[in-house]
Amino acid sequence: MAAVNKYIVENEPWAVAEREDKDSRARLATILYTSAEALRVVTALVHPIIPEAQPASDAARAGRDRPIGPAHVGLGKLALGTKLGKVEGVFPRADKSTVERMQQMNSSAPLI
């Protein structure tokens, strides 16, 4: 996920989208496709461990009747021009109070 985030930050699709020329539109399409495809692959790979990632995987599959999971990943399987529909975060951020509570639990846990 960090690599996908880095790719998006470095390529700045929000800045590319502001330009109106043909090359910028093509570059924007490449950035968005690559990002969506990377998220689809990551979601499929972590599904056996984190099945809660399923809703985002459903969006990335865009309604196709294809199973998910490592055996079905493959690169470039997201068809060009695919409408993703409603897209939700794959891994929602934990709220600050939850993180603090987990840190307290770890600090008070006895060492074995």
Protein backbone atom coordinates (compact mmCIF):
# COMPACT_ATOMS: atom_id res chain seq x y z
CA MET A 1 0.00 0.00 0.00
CA ALA A 2 2.87 2.36 0.76
CA ALA A 3 4.19 1.93 -2.78
CA VAL A 4 0.77 2.77 -4.25
CA ASN A 5 0.50 5.82 -2.03
CA LYS A 6 4.02 6.92 -3.05
CA TYR A 7 3.13 6.47 -6.72
CA ILE A 8 0.04 8.65 -6.36
CA VAL A 9 1.85 11.35 -4.38
CA GLU A 10 4.81 11.46 -6.78
CA ASN A 11 2.62 11.57 -9.92
CA GLU A 12 0.16 14.15 -8.54
CA PRO A 13 -2.94 13.23 -10.56
CA TRP A 14 -4.74 16.29 -9.13
CA ALA A 15 -2.13 18.55 -10.79
CA VAL A 16 -2.14 16.59 -14.06
CA ALA A 17 -5.96 16.85 -14.18
CA GLU A 18 -5.74 20.65 -14.21
CA ARG A 19 -3.93 20.61 -17.56
CA GLU A 20 -6.09 20.46 -20.67
CA ASP A 21 -3.64 19.12 -23.28
CA LYS A 22 -3.90 15.67 -24.86
CA ASP A 23 -0.64 14.39 -23.31
CA SER A 24 -1.80 15.34 -19.81
CA ARG A 25 -5.13 13.57 -20.31
CA ALA A 26 -3.31 10.43 -21.42
CA ARG A 27 -0.93 10.69 -18.45
CA LEU A 28 -3.86 11.14 -16.06
CA ALA A 29 -5.55 8.04 -17.48
CA THR A 30 -2.35 6.06 -16.95
CA ILE A 31 -1.94 7.27 -13.36
CA LEU A 32 -5.55 6.47 -12.46
CA TYR A 33 -5.51 3.06 -14.16
CA THR A 34 -2.22 2.08 -12.53
CA SER A 35 -3.50 3.16 -9.12
CA ALA A 36 -6.81 1.30 -9.48
CA GLU A 37 -5.06 -1.83 -10.75
CA ALA A 38 -2.53 -1.77 -7.90
CA LEU A 39 -5.30 -1.42 -5.32
CA ARG A 40 -7.22 -4.28 -6.96
CA VAL A 41 -4.17 -6.54 -6.73
CA VAL A 42 -3.36 -5.58 -3.12
CA THR A 43 -6.96 -6.14 -2.07
CA ALA A 44 -7.06 -9.57 -3.70
CA LEU A 45 -3.75 -10.60 -2.12
CA VAL A 46 -4.77 -9.62 1.40
CA HIS A 47 -8.30 -11.02 1.15
CA PRO A 48 -7.41 -14.38 2.77
CA ILE A 49 -5.96 -12.49 5.75
CA ILE A 50 -8.30 -9.49 5.84
CA PRO A 51 -11.65 -10.51 4.36
CA GLU A 52 -13.09 -7.15 5.42
CA ALA A 53 -11.30 -5.76 2.35
CA GLN A 54 -14.00 -7.48 0.23
CA PRO A 55 -16.16 -4.38 -0.45
CA ALA A 56 -13.29 -2.55 -2.13
CA SER A 57 -12.46 -5.70 -4.01
CA ASP A 58 -16.04 -5.85 -5.27
CA ALA A 59 -15.69 -2.30 -6.56
CA ALA A 60 -12.39 -3.11 -8.25
CA ARG A 61 -13.92 -6.17 -9.92
CA ALA A 62 -16.66 -3.84 -11.17
CA GLY A 63 -19.38 -6.46 -10.98
CA ARG A 64 -17.52 -9.19 -12.81
CA ASP A 65 -18.25 -12.73 -11.70
CA ARG A 66 -14.63 -13.54 -11.03
CA PRO A 67 -13.40 -15.00 -7.75
CA ILE A 68 -10.87 -13.07 -5.73
CA GLY A 69 -7.76 -14.22 -3.95
CA PRO A 70 -4.10 -14.77 -4.77
CA ALA A 71 -4.76 -17.47 -7.38
CA HIS A 72 -6.96 -15.08 -9.39
CA VAL A 73 -4.93 -11.88 -9.23
CA GLY A 74 -3.02 -11.44 -12.49
CA LEU A 75 -1.87 -8.05 -13.65
CA GLY A 76 -3.76 -5.99 -16.18
CA LYS A 77 -7.11 -7.66 -15.52
CA LEU A 78 -8.91 -4.39 -14.88
CA ALA A 79 -10.42 -3.57 -18.28
CA LEU A 80 -9.74 -0.09 -19.62
CA GLY A 81 -12.70 2.21 -19.12
CA THR A 82 -14.18 0.08 -16.34
CA LYS A 83 -16.66 2.01 -14.21
CA LEU A 84 -15.89 1.25 -10.60
CA GLY A 85 -19.12 2.48 -9.06
CA LYS A 86 -19.00 3.38 -5.40
CA VAL A 87 -15.46 2.95 -4.13
CA GLU A 88 -14.75 2.63 -0.44
CA GLY A 89 -11.49 2.60 1.43
CA VAL A 90 -9.83 -0.80 1.52
CA PHE A 91 -8.39 -0.25 4.97
CA PRO A 92 -10.29 2.43 6.89
CA ARG A 93 -8.23 4.54 9.24
CA ALA A 94 -8.59 3.80 12.92
CA ASP A 95 -9.79 6.75 14.92
CA LYS A 96 -7.30 8.34 17.29
CA SER A 97 -8.98 7.00 20.45
CA THR A 98 -8.73 3.41 19.16
CA VAL A 99 -5.03 3.81 18.43
CA GLU A 100 -4.41 5.31 21.88
CA ARG A 101 -6.34 2.48 23.54
CA MET A 102 -4.26 -0.11 21.66
CA GLN A 103 -1.04 1.63 22.68
CA GLN A 104 -2.15 1.60 26.33
CA MET A 105 -2.97 -2.09 26.11
CA ASN A 106 0.48 -2.83 24.67
CA SER A 107 2.28 -0.80 27.32
CA SER A 108 0.40 -2.45 30.19
CA ALA A 109 0.67 -6.02 28.84
CA PRO A 110 2.97 -8.24 30.90
CA LEU A 111 6.15 -9.41 29.22
CA ILE A 112 6.32 -13.16 28.83
